[in-house]
PDB file of N, CA and C in Angstrom:
ATOM      1  N   MET A   1       0.969  -0.925  -0.075  1.00  0.00           N
ATOM      2  CA  MET A   1      -0.034  -0.152  -0.084  1.00  0.00           C
ATOM      3  C   MET A   1       0.852   1.544  -0.314  1.00  0.00           C
ATOM      4  N   THR A   2       0.604   2.235  -0.718  1.00  0.00           N
ATOM      5  CA  THR A   2       1.354   3.357  -0.746  1.00  0.00           C
ATOM      6  C   THR A   2       0.265   4.398  -0.404  1.00  0.00           C
ATOM      7  N   VAL A   3       1.314   5.268   0.806  1.00  0.00           N
ATOM      8  CA  VAL A   3       0.327   6.298   1.074  1.00  0.00           C
ATOM      9  C   VAL A   3       0.954   7.855   0.711  1.00  0.00           C
ATOM     10  N   LEU A   4       0.301   8.786   0.373  1.00  0.00           N
ATOM     11  CA  LEU A   4       0.354  10.172   0.304  1.00  0.00           C
ATOM     12  C   LEU A   4       0.193  11.036   1.185  1.00  0.00           C
ATOM     13  N   PRO A   5       1.559  11.576   2.179  1.00  0.00           N
ATOM     14  CA  PRO A   5       1.464  12.418   3.115  1.00  0.00           C
ATOM     15  C   PRO A   5       0.546  13.431   3.164  1.00  0.00           C
ATOM     16  N   ALA A   6      -0.081  13.895   4.422  1.00  0.00           N
ATOM     17  CA  ALA A   6      -0.859  14.952   4.180  1.00  0.00           C
ATOM     18  C   ALA A   6       0.107  16.351   4.809  1.00  0.00           C
ATOM     19  N   GLU A   7      -0.367  16.774   3.926  1.00  0.00           N
ATOM     20  CA  GLU A   7       0.933  18.560   3.893  1.00  0.00           C
ATOM     21  C   GLU A   7       0.130  19.515   3.813  1.00  0.00           C
ATOM     22  N   THR A   8       0.468  20.372   3.607  1.00  0.00           N
ATOM     23  CA  THR A   8      -0.134  21.782   3.284  1.00  0.00           C
ATOM     24  C   THR A   8       0.412  22.652   2.402  1.00  0.00           C
ATOM     25  N   VAL A   9       0.016  23.174   1.058  1.00  0.00           N
ATOM     26  CA  VAL A   9       0.793  23.646  -0.217  1.00  0.00           C
ATOM     27  C   VAL A   9       0.130  25.142  -0.548  1.00  0.00           C
ATOM     28  N   ARG A  10       0.443  25.703  -0.867  1.00  0.00           N
ATOM     29  CA  ARG A  10       0.012  27.231  -1.094  1.00  0.00           C
ATOM     30  C   ARG A  10       0.389  26.958  -2.900  1.00  0.00           C
ATOM     31  N   VAL A  11      -0.933  28.103  -3.411  1.00  0.00           N
ATOM     32  CA  VAL A  11      -1.423  28.034  -4.660  1.00  0.00           C
ATOM     33  C   VAL A  11      -0.036  29.569  -5.129  1.00  0.00           C
ATOM     34  N   THR A  12       1.151  29.140  -6.148  1.00  0.00           N
ATOM     35  CA  THR A  12       1.435  29.962  -6.281  1.00  0.00           C
ATOM     36  C   THR A  12       1.718  29.701  -8.154  1.00  0.00           C
ATOM     37  N   LYS A  13       0.808  29.363  -8.965  1.00  0.00           N
ATOM     38  CA  LYS A  13       0.182  29.275 -10.567  1.00  0.00           C
ATOM     39  C   LYS A  13      -0.802  30.096 -10.221  1.00  0.00           C
ATOM     40  N   PRO A  14      -0.751  31.495 -11.054  1.00  0.00           N
ATOM     41  CA  PRO A  14      -2.247  31.425 -11.674  1.00  0.00           C
ATOM     42  C   PRO A  14      -2.979  31.106 -12.636  1.00  0.00           C
ATOM     43  N   ASP A  15      -4.160  30.968 -12.502  1.00  0.00           N
ATOM     44  CA  ASP A  15      -5.333  29.720 -13.138  1.00  0.00           C
ATOM     45  C   ASP A  15      -4.813  28.297 -12.187  1.00  0.00           C
ATOM     46  N   ALA A  16      -4.754  27.962 -11.105  1.00  0.00           N
ATOM     47  CA  ALA A  16      -4.296  26.438 -10.761  1.00  0.00           C
ATOM     48  C   ALA A  16      -5.695  26.245 -10.152  1.00  0.00           C
ATOM     49  N   THR A  17      -6.452  25.162 -10.480  1.00  0.00           N
ATOM     50  CA  THR A  17      -6.996  24.321  -9.989  1.00  0.00           C
ATOM     51  C   THR A  17      -6.864  23.508  -9.337  1.00  0.00           C
ATOM     52  N   LEU A  18      -7.629  23.081  -8.520  1.00  0.00           N
ATOM     53  CA  LEU A  18      -7.888  21.638  -7.387  1.00  0.00           C
ATOM     54  C   LEU A  18      -7.014  20.238  -7.812  1.00  0.00           C
ATOM     55  N   ASP A  19      -7.529  20.268  -8.481  1.00  0.00           N
ATOM     56  CA  ASP A  19      -7.368  18.800  -9.588  1.00  0.00           C
ATOM     57  C   ASP A  19      -5.767  18.807 -10.518  1.00  0.00           C
ATOM     58  N   LEU A  20      -5.134  20.377 -10.537  1.00  0.00           N
ATOM     59  CA  LEU A  20      -4.345  20.206 -11.258  1.00  0.00           C
ATOM     60  C   LEU A  20      -2.955  20.263  -9.945  1.00  0.00           C
ATOM     61  N   ILE A  21      -3.404  20.768  -8.636  1.00  0.00           N
ATOM     62  CA  ILE A  21      -2.496  20.720  -7.268  1.00  0.00           C
ATOM     63  C   ILE A  21      -2.420  19.532  -6.961  1.00  0.00           C
ATOM     64  N   ALA A  22      -3.945  18.952  -7.126  1.00  0.00           N
ATOM     65  CA  ALA A  22      -3.493  17.366  -6.353  1.00  0.00           C
ATOM     66  C   ALA A  22      -3.274  16.507  -7.707  1.00  0.00           C
ATOM     67  N   PHE A  23      -3.176  16.470  -8.615  1.00  0.00           N
ATOM     68  CA  PHE A  23      -2.449  15.862  -9.604  1.00  0.00           C
ATOM     69  C   PHE A  23      -0.705  15.904  -9.444  1.00  0.00           C
ATOM     70  N   GLU A  24      -0.376  17.220  -9.305  1.00  0.00           N
ATOM     71  CA  GLU A  24       1.304  17.411  -9.683  1.00  0.00           C
ATOM     72  C   GLU A  24       1.458  17.275  -7.826  1.00  0.00           C
ATOM     73  N   ASN A  25       0.485  17.098  -7.489  1.00  0.00           N
ATOM     74  CA  ASN A  25       1.354  16.550  -5.806  1.00  0.00           C
ATOM     75  C   ASN A  25       1.391  14.943  -5.634  1.00  0.00           C
ATOM     76  N   ALA A  26       0.760  14.548  -6.296  1.00  0.00           N
ATOM     77  CA  ALA A  26       0.391  12.840  -6.456  1.00  0.00           C
ATOM     78  C   ALA A  26       1.719  12.742  -7.404  1.00  0.00           C
ATOM     79  N   VAL A  27       1.734  13.265  -8.600  1.00  0.00           N
ATOM     80  CA  VAL A  27       3.231  12.814  -9.504  1.00  0.00           C
ATOM     81  C   VAL A  27       4.270  12.850  -8.827  1.00  0.00           C
ATOM     82  N   LEU A  28       5.033  14.232  -7.892  1.00  0.00           N
ATOM     83  CA  LEU A  28       5.675  14.345  -6.741  1.00  0.00           C
ATOM     84  C   LEU A  28       5.953  13.671  -5.858  1.00  0.00           C
ATOM     85  N   ARG A  29       5.547  12.561  -5.474  1.00  0.00           N
ATOM     86  CA  ARG A  29       5.137  12.241  -4.617  1.00  0.00           C
ATOM     87  C   ARG A  29       5.269  10.331  -4.979  1.00  0.00           C
ATOM     88  N   LEU A  30       4.546   9.994  -6.467  1.00  0.00           N
ATOM     89  CA  LEU A  30       4.798   8.755  -6.746  1.00  0.00           C
ATOM     90  C   LEU A  30       5.179   8.049  -7.678  1.00  0.00           C
ATOM     91  N   GLY A  31       5.623   9.864  -8.126  1.00  0.00           N
ATOM     92  CA  GLY A  31       6.959   9.791  -9.375  1.00  0.00           C
ATOM     93  C   GLY A  31       6.343   8.494 -10.685  1.00  0.00           C
ATOM     94  N   ASP A  32       5.095   9.069 -11.127  1.00  0.00           N
ATOM     95  CA  ASP A  32       4.889   8.229 -12.143  1.00  0.00           C
ATOM     96  C   ASP A  32       3.583   8.970 -12.640  1.00  0.00           C
ATOM     97  N   THR A  33       3.255   9.530 -13.724  1.00  0.00           N
ATOM     98  CA  THR A  33       2.051  10.387 -14.045  1.00  0.00           C
ATOM     99  C   THR A  33       0.488   9.311 -14.173  1.00  0.00           C
ATOM    100  N   ALA A  34       0.812   8.086 -14.677  1.00  0.00           N
ATOM    101  CA  ALA A  34      -0.009   7.095 -14.983  1.00  0.00           C
ATOM    102  C   ALA A  34      -0.814   6.842 -13.781  1.00  0.00           C
ATOM    103  N   ARG A  35       0.027   6.419 -12.786  1.00  0.00           N
ATOM    104  CA  ARG A  35      -0.404   6.485 -11.667  1.00  0.00           C
ATOM    105  C   ARG A  35      -1.000   7.626 -10.779  1.00  0.00           C
ATOM    106  N   ALA A  36      -0.368   8.776 -10.774  1.00  0.00           N
ATOM    107  CA  ALA A  36      -0.961   9.686 -10.321  1.00  0.00           C
ATOM    108  C   ALA A  36      -2.455  10.273 -10.676  1.00  0.00           C
ATOM    109  N   SER A  37      -2.916   9.835 -11.976  1.00  0.00           N
ATOM    110  CA  SER A  37      -4.185  10.368 -13.158  1.00  0.00           C
ATOM    111  C   SER A  37      -4.992   9.204 -12.414  1.00  0.00           C
ATOM    112  N   ARG A  38      -5.107   8.276 -12.037  1.00  0.00           N
ATOM    113  CA  ARG A  38      -5.221   7.144 -11.332  1.00  0.00           C
ATOM    114  C   ARG A  38      -6.215   7.126 -10.208  1.00  0.00           C
ATOM    115  N   LEU A  39      -5.951   7.981  -9.219  1.00  0.00           N
ATOM    116  CA  LEU A  39      -6.591   8.250  -7.753  1.00  0.00           C
ATOM    117  C   LEU A  39      -7.500   9.021  -7.634  1.00  0.00           C
ATOM    118  N   ALA A  40      -8.545   7.786  -7.830  1.00  0.00           N
ATOM    119  CA  ALA A  40     -10.228   7.991  -7.560  1.00  0.00           C
ATOM    120  C   ALA A  40     -10.574   8.407  -6.412  1.00  0.00           C
ATOM    121  N   GLY A  41     -10.963   9.826  -6.153  1.00  0.00           N
ATOM    122  CA  GLY A  41     -11.433  10.178  -5.001  1.00  0.00           C
ATOM    123  C   GLY A  41     -10.437  11.080  -4.284  1.00  0.00           C
ATOM    124  N   TYR A  42      -9.202  11.614  -4.592  1.00  0.00           N
ATOM    125  CA  TYR A  42      -8.186  12.353  -3.708  1.00  0.00           C
ATOM    126  C   TYR A  42      -8.862  13.335  -3.844  1.00  0.00           C
ATOM    127  N   VAL A  43      -9.272  14.564  -5.173  1.00  0.00           N
ATOM    128  CA  VAL A  43      -9.895  15.542  -5.222  1.00  0.00           C
ATOM    129  C   VAL A  43     -10.835  15.921  -4.472  1.00  0.00           C
ATOM    130  N   GLU A  44     -11.809  14.777  -4.549  1.00  0.00           N
ATOM    131  CA  GLU A  44     -12.829  15.162  -3.320  1.00  0.00           C
ATOM    132  C   GLU A  44     -11.935  14.959  -1.714  1.00  0.00           C
ATOM    133  N   ALA A  45     -11.592  14.220  -1.776  1.00  0.00           N
ATOM    134  CA  ALA A  45     -10.749  14.394  -0.113  1.00  0.00           C
ATOM    135  C   ALA A  45     -10.400  15.769   0.210  1.00  0.00           C
ATOM    136  N   ILE A  46      -9.648  16.286  -0.728  1.00  0.00           N
ATOM    137  CA  ILE A  46      -9.279  17.575  -0.170  1.00  0.00           C
ATOM    138  C   ILE A  46     -10.001  18.921  -0.520  1.00  0.00           C
ATOM    139  N   LEU A  47     -11.351  18.595  -0.999  1.00  0.00           N
ATOM    140  CA  LEU A  47     -12.398  19.351  -1.210  1.00  0.00           C
ATOM    141  C   LEU A  47     -13.116  19.366   0.357  1.00  0.00           C
ATOM    142  N   GLU A  48     -13.155  18.278   0.804  1.00  0.00           N
ATOM    143  CA  GLU A  48     -13.350  17.988   2.139  1.00  0.00           C
ATOM    144  C   GLU A  48     -12.669  18.302   3.240  1.00  0.00           C
ATOM    145  N   ALA A  49     -11.985  18.318   3.380  1.00  0.00           N
ATOM    146  CA  ALA A  49     -10.737  18.935   3.942  1.00  0.00           C
ATOM    147  C   ALA A  49     -10.072  20.550   3.776  1.00  0.00           C
ATOM    148  N   ASN A  50     -10.867  21.062   2.987  1.00  0.00           N
ATOM    149  CA  ASN A  50     -10.599  22.542   2.514  1.00  0.00           C
ATOM    150  C   ASN A  50     -12.020  23.187   2.150  1.00  0.00           C
ATOM    151  N   PRO A  51     -13.255  23.023   2.969  1.00  0.00           N
ATOM    152  CA  PRO A  51     -14.547  23.266   2.774  1.00  0.00           C
ATOM    153  C   PRO A  51     -15.142  25.174   2.180  1.00  0.00           C
ATOM    154  N   GLU A  52     -13.471  26.061   2.233  1.00  0.00           N
ATOM    155  CA  GLU A  52     -13.851  27.065   2.182  1.00  0.00           C
ATOM    156  C   GLU A  52     -13.367  27.387   0.168  1.00  0.00           C
ATOM    157  N   LEU A  53     -12.581  26.108  -0.141  1.00  0.00           N
ATOM    158  CA  LEU A  53     -12.067  26.393  -1.258  1.00  0.00           C
ATOM    159  C   LEU A  53     -13.671  26.018  -2.214  1.00  0.00           C
ATOM    160  N   VAL A  54     -14.727  25.650  -1.808  1.00  0.00           N
ATOM    161  CA  VAL A  54     -15.732  25.160  -2.941  1.00  0.00           C
ATOM    162  C   VAL A  54     -15.946  26.590  -3.496  1.00  0.00           C
ATOM    163  N   ALA A  55     -15.973  27.213  -2.633  1.00  0.00           N
ATOM    164  CA  ALA A  55     -16.431  28.930  -3.656  1.00  0.00           C
ATOM    165  C   ALA A  55     -15.203  29.091  -4.600  1.00  0.00           C
ATOM    166  N   ALA A  56     -14.454  29.135  -4.166  1.00  0.00           N
ATOM    167  CA  ALA A  56     -12.851  29.858  -5.322  1.00  0.00           C
ATOM    168  C   ALA A  56     -12.845  28.639  -6.194  1.00  0.00           C
ATOM    169  N   GLU A  57     -13.530  27.697  -6.494  1.00  0.00           N
ATOM    170  CA  GLU A  57     -13.448  27.189  -7.645  1.00  0.00           C
ATOM    171  C   GLU A  57     -14.010  27.287  -9.015  1.00  0.00           C
ATOM    172  N   PRO A  58     -13.658  27.333  -9.777  1.00  0.00           N
ATOM    173  CA  PRO A  58     -12.462  26.567 -10.117  1.00  0.00           C
ATOM    174  C   PRO A  58     -11.444  26.798 -10.217  1.00  0.00           C
ATOM    175  N   LEU A  59     -10.777  28.215 -10.039  1.00  0.00           N
ATOM    176  CA  LEU A  59     -10.005  28.702 -10.616  1.00  0.00           C
ATOM    177  C   LEU A  59      -9.535  29.262  -8.585  1.00  0.00           C
ATOM    178  N   LEU A  60      -8.111  28.920  -8.142  1.00  0.00           N
ATOM    179  CA  LEU A  60      -7.964  28.894  -6.949  1.00  0.00           C
ATOM    180  C   LEU A  60      -7.078  30.287  -7.093  1.00  0.00           C
ATOM    181  N   PRO A  61      -7.835  31.265  -5.794  1.00  0.00           N
ATOM    182  CA  PRO A  61      -6.833  32.830  -5.760  1.00  0.00           C
ATOM    183  C   PRO A  61      -5.147  32.467  -5.505  1.00  0.00           C
ATOM    184  N   LEU A  62      -3.957  33.032  -6.145  1.00  0.00           N
ATOM    185  CA  LEU A  62      -2.881  33.089  -6.171  1.00  0.00           C
ATOM    186  C   LEU A  62      -2.518  33.186  -4.564  1.00  0.00           C
ATOM    187  N   GLY A  63      -1.668  32.885  -3.118  1.00  0.00           N
ATOM    188  CA  GLY A  63      -1.558  32.051  -1.963  1.00  0.00           C
ATOM    189  C   GLY A  63      -2.563  31.548  -1.212  1.00  0.00           C
ATOM    190  N   ALA A  64      -3.835  31.064  -1.960  1.00  0.00           N
ATOM    191  CA  ALA A  64      -4.643  30.625  -1.422  1.00  0.00           C
ATOM    192  C   ALA A  64      -3.443  29.191  -0.649  1.00  0.00           C
ATOM    193  N   THR A  65      -3.949  28.454   0.773  1.00  0.00           N
ATOM    194  CA  THR A  65      -3.159  27.790   1.163  1.00  0.00           C
ATOM    195  C   THR A  65      -4.236  26.250   1.580  1.00  0.00           C
ATOM    196  N   VAL A  66      -3.380  25.425   0.988  1.00  0.00           N
ATOM    197  CA  VAL A  66      -4.192  24.029  -0.027  1.00  0.00           C
ATOM    198  C   VAL A  66      -4.027  22.888   1.083  1.00  0.00           C
ATOM    199  N   HIS A  67      -4.868  22.445   1.995  1.00  0.00           N
ATOM    200  CA  HIS A  67      -4.443  21.296   2.838  1.00  0.00           C
ATOM    201  C   HIS A  67      -4.465  20.149   1.831  1.00  0.00           C
ATOM    202  N   LEU A  68      -3.401  19.214   2.259  1.00  0.00           N
ATOM    203  CA  LEU A  68      -3.755  17.475   1.309  1.00  0.00           C
ATOM    204  C   LEU A  68      -3.613  16.742   2.673  1.00  0.00           C
ATOM    205  N   PRO A  69      -5.041  15.834   2.482  1.00  0.00           N
ATOM    206  CA  PRO A  69      -4.720  15.033   3.408  1.00  0.00           C
ATOM    207  C   PRO A  69      -4.240  13.893   2.981  1.00  0.00           C
ATOM    208  N   GLU A  70      -3.805  13.241   3.984  1.00  0.00           N
ATOM    209  CA  GLU A  70      -3.262  12.026   3.938  1.00  0.00           C
ATOM    210  C   GLU A  70      -4.229  10.853   3.136  1.00  0.00           C
ATOM    211  N   TRP A  71      -3.322   9.838   2.070  1.00  0.00           N
ATOM    212  CA  TRP A  71      -3.901   9.514   0.618  1.00  0.00           C
ATOM    213  C   TRP A  71      -3.703   7.974   0.896  1.00  0.00           C
ATOM    214  N   ARG A  72      -4.552   6.976   1.214  1.00  0.00           N
ATOM    215  CA  ARG A  72      -4.109   5.972   1.280  1.00  0.00           C
ATOM    216  C   ARG A  72      -4.193   5.347  -0.096  1.00  0.00           C
ATOM    217  N   ILE A  73      -3.344   4.948  -1.184  1.00  0.00           N
ATOM    218  CA  ILE A  73      -3.846   4.235  -2.228  1.00  0.00           C
ATOM    219  C   ILE A  73      -3.930   1.918  -1.704  1.00  0.00           C
ATOM    220  N   VAL A  74      -4.380   1.567  -1.990  1.00  0.00           N
ATOM    221  CA  VAL A  74      -5.229   0.006  -2.133  1.00  0.00           C
ATOM    222  C   VAL A  74      -5.003  -0.560  -3.415  1.00  0.00           C
ATOM    223  N   GLY A  75      -4.684  -1.589  -3.800  1.00  0.00           N
ATOM    224  CA  GLY A  75      -4.573  -1.941  -4.610  1.00  0.00           C
ATOM    225  C   GLY A  75      -4.467  -1.728  -6.148  1.00  0.00           C
ATOM    226  N   ASP A  76      -3.208  -1.089  -5.921  1.00  0.00           N
ATOM    227  CA  ASP A  76      -2.560  -0.029  -6.861  1.00  0.00           C
ATOM    228  C   ASP A  76      -2.311  -0.814  -8.056  1.00  0.00           C
ATOM    229  N   LYS A  77      -1.864  -2.138  -7.565  1.00  0.00           N
ATOM    230  CA  LYS A  77      -1.303  -2.772  -8.389  1.00  0.00           C
ATOM    231  C   LYS A  77      -1.904  -2.827 -10.043  1.00  0.00           C
ATOM    232  N   GLN A  78      -0.708  -2.452 -10.656  1.00  0.00           N
ATOM    233  CA  GLN A  78      -0.846  -2.940 -12.174  1.00  0.00           C
ATOM    234  C   GLN A  78      -1.287  -3.988 -13.042  1.00  0.00           C
ATOM    235  N   SER A  79      -2.452  -3.926 -13.555  1.00  0.00           N
ATOM    236  CA  SER A  79      -2.057  -6.202 -14.322  1.00  0.00           C
ATOM    237  C   SER A  79      -1.399  -5.698 -15.934  1.00  0.00           C
ATOM    238  N   VAL A  80      -1.046  -7.193 -16.029  1.00  0.00           N
ATOM    239  CA  VAL A  80      -0.458  -6.658 -17.515  1.00  0.00           C
ATOM    240  C   VAL A  80      -1.344  -8.044 -18.198  1.00  0.00           C
ATOM    241  N   ARG A  81      -2.295  -7.889 -18.912  1.00  0.00           N
ATOM    242  CA  ARG A  81      -2.359  -8.678 -20.021  1.00  0.00           C
ATOM    243  C   ARG A  81      -1.997  -9.387 -21.150  1.00  0.00           C
ATOM    244  N   LEU A  82      -2.135 -10.663 -20.841  1.00  0.00           N
ATOM    245  CA  LEU A  82      -0.926 -11.436 -21.966  1.00  0.00           C
ATOM    246  C   LEU A  82      -2.007 -11.407 -23.250  1.00  0.00           C
ATOM    247  N   TRP A  83      -3.202 -10.932 -23.335  1.00  0.00           N
ATOM    248  CA  TRP A  83      -3.921 -11.037 -24.530  1.00  0.00           C
ATOM    249  C   TRP A  83      -5.161 -10.287 -24.467  1.00  0.00           C
ATOM    250  N   ASP A  84      -5.385  -9.669 -25.719  1.00  0.00           N
ATOM    251  CA  ASP A  84      -7.368  -9.354 -25.560  1.00  0.00           C
ATOM    252  C   ASP A  84      -8.341  -9.124 -25.914  1.00  0.00           C
TER     253      ASP A  84
END
């Protein structure tokens, strides 16, 4: 099982969205864009941890603080299909 640690980040890019911040953090921690793109429920968990950001969506203001909760990735083994 892989765990993305909880952390707090600050919005430093104009036109940043919550899903972009979640994706970039996951890529940084996992080192794999394919795995990071399959994190079902991570953005929703971030919104739940930051209810004040709902009003700011879709674009987050520069300097906004975003708390990224700990996220456990279970069953993220990639399967290989020998035949289609």
